[in-house]
Amino acid sequence: MFRPKLPDVPTPPTTTVTPQQTQAPVASAGRPVVPYVGIGAGAVAAVVVVGIVLTALLAAVAVSAASVAIAAVVLRSLANGAHKR
């Protein structure tokens, strides 16, 4: 009865792909091909120490939150027990 009229699908234009010509890198005399990045051992150690400190802080926050939740449950049960008597 009611059928939607679909648009005609256009055919994509045909394009020819030409392979790219690449040149082999020429090795320079005495210099490495990879650029030298001057990251010293001190920078790596600093990143490791910062990671350890942040992990310890996260663990401390998690332990504190758990202890506060336990204390809240205990206080609530004490308060409810006092009202029932």
PDB file of N, CA and C in Angstrom:
ATOM      1  N   MET A   1       0.831  -1.180   0.000  1.00  0.00           N
ATOM      2  CA  MET A   1       0.000   0.000   0.000  1.00  0.00           C
ATOM      3  C   MET A   1       0.882   1.253   0.000  1.00  0.00           C
ATOM      4  N   PHE A   2       1.528   1.526   1.141  1.00  0.00           N
ATOM      5  CA  PHE A   2       2.445   2.661   1.195  1.00  0.00           C
ATOM      6  C   PHE A   2       3.862   2.118   1.101  1.00  0.00           C
ATOM      7  N   ARG A   3       4.524   2.454   0.058  1.00  0.00           N
ATOM      8  CA  ARG A   3       5.911   2.024  -0.107  1.00  0.00           C
ATOM      9  C   ARG A   3       6.778   3.270  -0.270  1.00  0.00           C
ATOM     10  N   PRO A   4       7.860   3.350   0.490  1.00  0.00           N
ATOM     11  CA  PRO A   4       8.715   4.534   0.341  1.00  0.00           C
ATOM     12  C   PRO A   4       9.465   4.506  -0.981  1.00  0.00           C
ATOM     13  N   LYS A   5       9.651   5.669  -1.531  1.00  0.00           N
ATOM     14  CA  LYS A   5      10.409   5.762  -2.773  1.00  0.00           C
ATOM     15  C   LYS A   5      11.859   6.029  -2.395  1.00  0.00           C
ATOM     16  N   LEU A   6      12.706   5.080  -2.720  1.00  0.00           N
ATOM     17  CA  LEU A   6      14.119   5.204  -2.398  1.00  0.00           C
ATOM     18  C   LEU A   6      14.831   5.964  -3.506  1.00  0.00           C
ATOM     19  N   PRO A   7      15.795   6.792  -3.144  1.00  0.00           N
ATOM     20  CA  PRO A   7      16.529   7.523  -4.180  1.00  0.00           C
ATOM     21  C   PRO A   7      17.436   6.584  -4.954  1.00  0.00           C
ATOM     22  N   ASP A   8      17.720   6.951  -6.181  1.00  0.00           N
ATOM     23  CA  ASP A   8      18.646   6.166  -7.000  1.00  0.00           C
ATOM     24  C   ASP A   8      20.049   6.289  -6.441  1.00  0.00           C
ATOM     25  N   VAL A   9      20.743   5.173  -6.379  1.00  0.00           N
ATOM     26  CA  VAL A   9      22.097   5.170  -5.853  1.00  0.00           C
ATOM     27  C   VAL A   9      23.046   5.568  -6.974  1.00  0.00           C
ATOM     28  N   PRO A  10      23.769   6.674  -6.789  1.00  0.00           N
ATOM     29  CA  PRO A  10      24.701   7.076  -7.846  1.00  0.00           C
ATOM     30  C   PRO A  10      25.907   6.146  -7.868  1.00  0.00           C
ATOM     31  N   THR A  11      26.438   5.923  -9.014  1.00  0.00           N
ATOM     32  CA  THR A  11      27.630   5.079  -9.129  1.00  0.00           C
ATOM     33  C   THR A  11      28.850   5.928  -8.827  1.00  0.00           C
ATOM     34  N   PRO A  12      29.744   5.402  -8.003  1.00  0.00           N
ATOM     35  CA  PRO A  12      30.940   6.194  -7.683  1.00  0.00           C
ATOM     36  C   PRO A  12      31.843   6.313  -8.897  1.00  0.00           C
ATOM     37  N   PRO A  13      32.516   7.448  -9.012  1.00  0.00           N
ATOM     38  CA  PRO A  13      33.426   7.614 -10.155  1.00  0.00           C
ATOM     39  C   PRO A  13      34.618   6.679 -10.018  1.00  0.00           C
ATOM     40  N   THR A  14      35.049   6.169 -11.135  1.00  0.00           N
ATOM     41  CA  THR A  14      36.197   5.262 -11.116  1.00  0.00           C
ATOM     42  C   THR A  14      37.477   6.085 -11.197  1.00  0.00           C
ATOM     43  N   THR A  15      38.372   5.789 -10.290  1.00  0.00           N
ATOM     44  CA  THR A  15      39.663   6.474 -10.293  1.00  0.00           C
ATOM     45  C   THR A  15      40.756   5.421 -10.348  1.00  0.00           C
ATOM     46  N   THR A  16      41.811   5.754 -10.974  1.00  0.00           N
ATOM     47  CA  THR A  16      42.948   4.844 -11.041  1.00  0.00           C
ATOM     48  C   THR A  16      43.941   5.238  -9.965  1.00  0.00           C
ATOM     49  N   VAL A  17      44.436   4.252  -9.267  1.00  0.00           N
ATOM     50  CA  VAL A  17      45.394   4.497  -8.199  1.00  0.00           C
ATOM     51  C   VAL A  17      46.782   4.196  -8.736  1.00  0.00           C
ATOM     52  N   THR A  18      47.637   5.217  -8.671  1.00  0.00           N
ATOM     53  CA  THR A  18      49.013   5.011  -9.119  1.00  0.00           C
ATOM     54  C   THR A  18      49.880   4.740  -7.896  1.00  0.00           C
ATOM     55  N   PRO A  19      50.720   3.734  -7.958  1.00  0.00           N
ATOM     56  CA  PRO A  19      51.569   3.441  -6.793  1.00  0.00           C
ATOM     57  C   PRO A  19      52.578   4.565  -6.578  1.00  0.00           C
ATOM     58  N   GLN A  20      52.794   4.865  -5.302  1.00  0.00           N
ATOM     59  CA  GLN A  20      53.743   5.919  -4.967  1.00  0.00           C
ATOM     60  C   GLN A  20      55.159   5.353  -5.013  1.00  0.00           C
ATOM     61  N   GLN A  21      56.034   6.165  -5.501  1.00  0.00           N
ATOM     62  CA  GLN A  21      57.427   5.753  -5.547  1.00  0.00           C
ATOM     63  C   GLN A  21      58.115   6.235  -4.285  1.00  0.00           C
ATOM     64  N   THR A  22      58.717   5.312  -3.592  1.00  0.00           N
ATOM     65  CA  THR A  22      59.428   5.679  -2.377  1.00  0.00           C
ATOM     66  C   THR A  22      60.909   5.475  -2.591  1.00  0.00           C
ATOM     67  N   GLN A  23      61.672   6.346  -1.999  1.00  0.00           N
ATOM     68  CA  GLN A  23      63.118   6.241  -2.092  1.00  0.00           C
ATOM     69  C   GLN A  23      63.642   5.623  -0.808  1.00  0.00           C
ATOM     70  N   ALA A  24      64.614   4.789  -0.951  1.00  0.00           N
ATOM     71  CA  ALA A  24      65.228   4.180   0.218  1.00  0.00           C
ATOM     72  C   ALA A  24      66.019   5.246   0.964  1.00  0.00           C
ATOM     73  N   PRO A  25      65.949   5.251   2.302  1.00  0.00           N
ATOM     74  CA  PRO A  25      66.712   6.254   3.043  1.00  0.00           C
ATOM     75  C   PRO A  25      68.213   6.008   2.903  1.00  0.00           C
ATOM     76  N   VAL A  26      68.911   7.084   2.762  1.00  0.00           N
ATOM     77  CA  VAL A  26      70.355   6.996   2.615  1.00  0.00           C
ATOM     78  C   VAL A  26      70.971   7.079   4.006  1.00  0.00           C
ATOM     79  N   ALA A  27      71.765   6.078   4.360  1.00  0.00           N
ATOM     80  CA  ALA A  27      72.408   6.065   5.670  1.00  0.00           C
ATOM     81  C   ALA A  27      73.517   7.104   5.689  1.00  0.00           C
ATOM     82  N   SER A  28      73.489   7.985   6.679  1.00  0.00           N
ATOM     83  CA  SER A  28      74.524   8.991   6.786  1.00  0.00           C
ATOM     84  C   SER A  28      75.723   8.393   7.517  1.00  0.00           C
ATOM     85  N   ALA A  29      76.850   8.947   7.279  1.00  0.00           N
ATOM     86  CA  ALA A  29      78.080   8.411   7.847  1.00  0.00           C
ATOM     87  C   ALA A  29      78.199   8.800   9.311  1.00  0.00           C
ATOM     88  N   GLY A  30      78.156   7.834  10.220  1.00  0.00           N
ATOM     89  CA  GLY A  30      78.418   8.083  11.618  1.00  0.00           C
ATOM     90  C   GLY A  30      77.239   8.579  12.441  1.00  0.00           C
ATOM     91  N   ARG A  31      76.103   8.867  11.837  1.00  0.00           N
ATOM     92  CA  ARG A  31      74.957   9.367  12.602  1.00  0.00           C
ATOM     93  C   ARG A  31      73.825   8.355  12.529  1.00  0.00           C
ATOM     94  N   PRO A  32      73.122   8.149  13.644  1.00  0.00           N
ATOM     95  CA  PRO A  32      72.007   7.213  13.603  1.00  0.00           C
ATOM     96  C   PRO A  32      70.822   7.800  12.828  1.00  0.00           C
ATOM     97  N   VAL A  33      70.008   6.923  12.261  1.00  0.00           N
ATOM     98  CA  VAL A  33      68.848   7.363  11.486  1.00  0.00           C
ATOM     99  C   VAL A  33      67.761   7.877  12.427  1.00  0.00           C
ATOM    100  N   VAL A  34      67.606   7.232  13.594  1.00  0.00           N
ATOM    101  CA  VAL A  34      66.588   7.631  14.559  1.00  0.00           C
ATOM    102  C   VAL A  34      67.066   8.883  15.286  1.00  0.00           C
ATOM    103  N   PRO A  35      66.202   9.897  15.414  1.00  0.00           N
ATOM    104  CA  PRO A  35      66.642  11.098  16.127  1.00  0.00           C
ATOM    105  C   PRO A  35      66.865  10.810  17.610  1.00  0.00           C
ATOM    106  N   TYR A  36      67.830  11.463  18.177  1.00  0.00           N
ATOM    107  CA  TYR A  36      68.187  11.240  19.579  1.00  0.00           C
ATOM    108  C   TYR A  36      67.285  12.088  20.455  1.00  0.00           C
ATOM    109  N   VAL A  37      66.609  11.441  21.385  1.00  0.00           N
ATOM    110  CA  VAL A  37      65.780  12.144  22.348  1.00  0.00           C
ATOM    111  C   VAL A  37      66.493  12.068  23.682  1.00  0.00           C
ATOM    112  N   GLY A  38      66.816  13.204  24.253  1.00  0.00           N
ATOM    113  CA  GLY A  38      67.629  13.225  25.455  1.00  0.00           C
ATOM    114  C   GLY A  38      66.828  13.029  26.728  1.00  0.00           C
ATOM    115  N   ILE A  39      66.264  11.855  26.929  1.00  0.00           N
ATOM    116  CA  ILE A  39      65.577  11.553  28.186  1.00  0.00           C
ATOM    117  C   ILE A  39      66.574  10.820  29.059  1.00  0.00           C
ATOM    118  N   GLY A  40      66.939  11.441  30.138  1.00  0.00           N
ATOM    119  CA  GLY A  40      67.929  10.850  31.013  1.00  0.00           C
ATOM    120  C   GLY A  40      67.306   9.903  32.022  1.00  0.00           C
ATOM    121  N   ALA A  41      68.167   9.254  32.762  1.00  0.00           N
ATOM    122  CA  ALA A  41      67.709   8.327  33.796  1.00  0.00           C
ATOM    123  C   ALA A  41      67.008   9.073  34.918  1.00  0.00           C
ATOM    124  N   GLY A  42      67.387  10.323  35.142  1.00  0.00           N
ATOM    125  CA  GLY A  42      66.740  11.115  36.184  1.00  0.00           C
ATOM    126  C   GLY A  42      65.278  11.402  35.870  1.00  0.00           C
ATOM    127  N   ALA A  43      64.983  11.661  34.595  1.00  0.00           N
ATOM    128  CA  ALA A  43      63.602  11.929  34.199  1.00  0.00           C
ATOM    129  C   ALA A  43      62.749  10.675  34.324  1.00  0.00           C
ATOM    130  N   VAL A  44      63.315   9.545  33.946  1.00  0.00           N
ATOM    131  CA  VAL A  44      62.581   8.278  34.062  1.00  0.00           C
ATOM    132  C   VAL A  44      62.330   7.954  35.532  1.00  0.00           C
ATOM    133  N   ALA A  45      63.329   8.169  36.375  1.00  0.00           N
ATOM    134  CA  ALA A  45      63.168   7.914  37.805  1.00  0.00           C
ATOM    135  C   ALA A  45      62.124   8.843  38.407  1.00  0.00           C
ATOM    136  N   ALA A  46      62.091  10.091  37.957  1.00  0.00           N
ATOM    137  CA  ALA A  46      61.103  11.037  38.476  1.00  0.00           C
ATOM    138  C   ALA A  46      59.690  10.608  38.099  1.00  0.00           C
ATOM    139  N   VAL A  47      59.503  10.127  36.878  1.00  0.00           N
ATOM    140  CA  VAL A  47      58.185   9.663  36.451  1.00  0.00           C
ATOM    141  C   VAL A  47      57.761   8.446  37.261  1.00  0.00           C
ATOM    142  N   VAL A  48      58.678   7.540  37.520  1.00  0.00           N
ATOM    143  CA  VAL A  48      58.361   6.347  38.313  1.00  0.00           C
ATOM    144  C   VAL A  48      57.985   6.744  39.740  1.00  0.00           C
ATOM    145  N   VAL A  49      58.741   7.663  40.329  1.00  0.00           N
ATOM    146  CA  VAL A  49      58.453   8.096  41.703  1.00  0.00           C
ATOM    147  C   VAL A  49      57.095   8.787  41.776  1.00  0.00           C
ATOM    148  N   VAL A  50      56.787   9.640  40.798  1.00  0.00           N
ATOM    149  CA  VAL A  50      55.489  10.321  40.786  1.00  0.00           C
ATOM    150  C   VAL A  50      54.362   9.296  40.648  1.00  0.00           C
ATOM    151  N   GLY A  51      54.548   8.285  39.822  1.00  0.00           N
ATOM    152  CA  GLY A  51      53.547   7.232  39.684  1.00  0.00           C
ATOM    153  C   GLY A  51      53.322   6.477  40.972  1.00  0.00           C
ATOM    154  N   ILE A  52      54.398   6.176  41.675  1.00  0.00           N
ATOM    155  CA  ILE A  52      54.281   5.456  42.953  1.00  0.00           C
ATOM    156  C   ILE A  52      53.566   6.311  43.991  1.00  0.00           C
ATOM    157  N   VAL A  53      53.909   7.600  44.049  1.00  0.00           N
ATOM    158  CA  VAL A  53      53.274   8.493  45.019  1.00  0.00           C
ATOM    159  C   VAL A  53      51.785   8.640  44.728  1.00  0.00           C
ATOM    160  N   LEU A  54      51.412   8.803  43.462  1.00  0.00           N
ATOM    161  CA  LEU A  54      50.001   8.940  43.120  1.00  0.00           C
ATOM    162  C   LEU A  54      49.227   7.666  43.422  1.00  0.00           C
ATOM    163  N   THR A  55      49.847   6.518  43.186  1.00  0.00           N
ATOM    164  CA  THR A  55      49.192   5.250  43.511  1.00  0.00           C
ATOM    165  C   THR A  55      48.998   5.112  45.014  1.00  0.00           C
ATOM    166  N   ALA A  56      49.983   5.517  45.787  1.00  0.00           N
ATOM    167  CA  ALA A  56      49.859   5.450  47.247  1.00  0.00           C
ATOM    168  C   ALA A  56      48.767   6.394  47.747  1.00  0.00           C
ATOM    169  N   LEU A  57      48.677   7.580  47.162  1.00  0.00           N
ATOM    170  CA  LEU A  57      47.616   8.516  47.559  1.00  0.00           C
ATOM    171  C   LEU A  57      46.235   7.963  47.224  1.00  0.00           C
ATOM    172  N   LEU A  58      46.108   7.339  46.074  1.00  0.00           N
ATOM    173  CA  LEU A  58      44.833   6.741  45.698  1.00  0.00           C
ATOM    174  C   LEU A  58      44.447   5.623  46.656  1.00  0.00           C
ATOM    175  N   ALA A  59      45.413   4.801  47.039  1.00  0.00           N
ATOM    176  CA  ALA A  59      45.140   3.733  48.002  1.00  0.00           C
ATOM    177  C   ALA A  59      44.750   4.313  49.355  1.00  0.00           C
ATOM    178  N   ALA A  60      45.403   5.389  49.783  1.00  0.00           N
ATOM    179  CA  ALA A  60      45.069   6.015  51.062  1.00  0.00           C
ATOM    180  C   ALA A  60      43.654   6.578  51.051  1.00  0.00           C
ATOM    181  N   VAL A  61      43.254   7.180  49.945  1.00  0.00           N
ATOM    182  CA  VAL A  61      41.892   7.715  49.838  1.00  0.00           C
ATOM    183  C   VAL A  61      40.876   6.579  49.873  1.00  0.00           C
ATOM    184  N   ALA A  62      41.184   5.467  49.217  1.00  0.00           N
ATOM    185  CA  ALA A  62      40.255   4.331  49.213  1.00  0.00           C
ATOM    186  C   ALA A  62      40.111   3.738  50.613  1.00  0.00           C
ATOM    187  N   VAL A  63      41.208   3.605  51.339  1.00  0.00           N
ATOM    188  CA  VAL A  63      41.150   3.066  52.696  1.00  0.00           C
ATOM    189  C   VAL A  63      40.392   4.022  53.612  1.00  0.00           C
ATOM    190  N   SER A  64      40.620   5.317  53.469  1.00  0.00           N
ATOM    191  CA  SER A  64      39.912   6.302  54.288  1.00  0.00           C
ATOM    192  C   SER A  64      38.412   6.270  54.009  1.00  0.00           C
ATOM    193  N   ALA A  65      38.038   6.162  52.764  1.00  0.00           N
ATOM    194  CA  ALA A  65      36.615   6.111  52.418  1.00  0.00           C
ATOM    195  C   ALA A  65      35.964   4.859  52.988  1.00  0.00           C
ATOM    196  N   ALA A  66      36.657   3.741  52.937  1.00  0.00           N
ATOM    197  CA  ALA A  66      36.102   2.504  53.491  1.00  0.00           C
ATOM    198  C   ALA A  66      35.939   2.616  55.005  1.00  0.00           C
ATOM    199  N   SER A  67      36.922   3.209  55.686  1.00  0.00           N
ATOM    200  CA  SER A  67      36.819   3.320  57.144  1.00  0.00           C
ATOM    201  C   SER A  67      35.719   4.301  57.548  1.00  0.00           C
ATOM    202  N   VAL A  68      35.530   5.365  56.794  1.00  0.00           N
ATOM    203  CA  VAL A  68      34.444   6.302  57.089  1.00  0.00           C
ATOM    204  C   VAL A  68      33.096   5.627  56.869  1.00  0.00           C
ATOM    205  N   ALA A  69      32.989   4.800  55.833  1.00  0.00           N
ATOM    206  CA  ALA A  69      31.727   4.096  55.579  1.00  0.00           C
ATOM    207  C   ALA A  69      31.422   3.108  56.697  1.00  0.00           C
ATOM    208  N   ILE A  70      32.428   2.416  57.173  1.00  0.00           N
ATOM    209  CA  ILE A  70      32.227   1.467  58.276  1.00  0.00           C
ATOM    210  C   ILE A  70      31.827   2.210  59.548  1.00  0.00           C
ATOM    211  N   ALA A  71      32.486   3.318  59.823  1.00  0.00           N
ATOM    212  CA  ALA A  71      32.144   4.106  61.008  1.00  0.00           C
ATOM    213  C   ALA A  71      30.717   4.639  60.923  1.00  0.00           C
ATOM    214  N   ALA A  72      30.277   5.038  59.737  1.00  0.00           N
ATOM    215  CA  ALA A  72      28.910   5.532  59.567  1.00  0.00           C
ATOM    216  C   ALA A  72      27.898   4.425  59.813  1.00  0.00           C
ATOM    217  N   VAL A  73      28.196   3.215  59.357  1.00  0.00           N
ATOM    218  CA  VAL A  73      27.279   2.091  59.580  1.00  0.00           C
ATOM    219  C   VAL A  73      27.206   1.758  61.067  1.00  0.00           C
ATOM    220  N   VAL A  74      28.337   1.775  61.740  1.00  0.00           N
ATOM    221  CA  VAL A  74      28.354   1.469  63.175  1.00  0.00           C
ATOM    222  C   VAL A  74      27.591   2.533  63.951  1.00  0.00           C
ATOM    223  N   LEU A  75      27.822   3.799  63.673  1.00  0.00           N
ATOM    224  CA  LEU A  75      27.110   4.874  64.373  1.00  0.00           C
ATOM    225  C   LEU A  75      25.611   4.820  64.100  1.00  0.00           C
ATOM    226  N   ARG A  76      25.244   4.487  62.869  1.00  0.00           N
ATOM    227  CA  ARG A  76      23.824   4.391  62.552  1.00  0.00           C
ATOM    228  C   ARG A  76      23.157   3.251  63.306  1.00  0.00           C
ATOM    229  N   SER A  77      23.856   2.138  63.387  1.00  0.00           N
ATOM    230  CA  SER A  77      23.263   1.008  64.115  1.00  0.00           C
ATOM    231  C   SER A  77      23.189   1.310  65.621  1.00  0.00           C
ATOM    232  N   LEU A  78      24.172   2.042  66.150  1.00  0.00           N
ATOM    233  CA  LEU A  78      24.093   2.440  67.566  1.00  0.00           C
ATOM    234  C   LEU A  78      22.953   3.409  67.813  1.00  0.00           C
ATOM    235  N   ALA A  79      22.755   4.350  66.881  1.00  0.00           N
ATOM    236  CA  ALA A  79      21.681   5.322  67.056  1.00  0.00           C
ATOM    237  C   ALA A  79      20.316   4.656  66.939  1.00  0.00           C
ATOM    238  N   ASN A  80      20.184   3.728  66.013  1.00  0.00           N
ATOM    239  CA  ASN A  80      18.908   3.026  65.857  1.00  0.00           C
ATOM    240  C   ASN A  80      18.625   2.118  67.047  1.00  0.00           C
ATOM    241  N   GLY A  81      19.672   1.511  67.606  1.00  0.00           N
ATOM    242  CA  GLY A  81      19.508   0.660  68.764  1.00  0.00           C
ATOM    243  C   GLY A  81      19.105   1.449  69.996  1.00  0.00           C
ATOM    244  N   ALA A  82      19.550   2.658  70.133  1.00  0.00           N
ATOM    245  CA  ALA A  82      19.214   3.497  71.283  1.00  0.00           C
ATOM    246  C   ALA A  82      17.759   3.937  71.230  1.00  0.00           C
ATOM    247  N   HIS A  83      17.229   4.180  70.024  1.00  0.00           N
ATOM    248  CA  HIS A  83      15.835   4.599  69.885  1.00  0.00           C
ATOM    249  C   HIS A  83      14.857   3.461  70.144  1.00  0.00           C
ATOM    250  N   LYS A  84      15.253   2.233  69.878  1.00  0.00           N
ATOM    251  CA  LYS A  84      14.350   1.102  70.056  1.00  0.00           C
ATOM    252  C   LYS A  84      14.170   0.710  71.524  1.00  0.00           C
ATOM    253  N   ARG A  85      15.082   1.093  72.371  1.00  0.00           N
ATOM    254  CA  ARG A  85      14.991   0.705  73.797  1.00  0.00           C
ATOM    255  C   ARG A  85      14.097   1.589  74.569  1.00  0.00           C
TER     256      ARG A  85
END
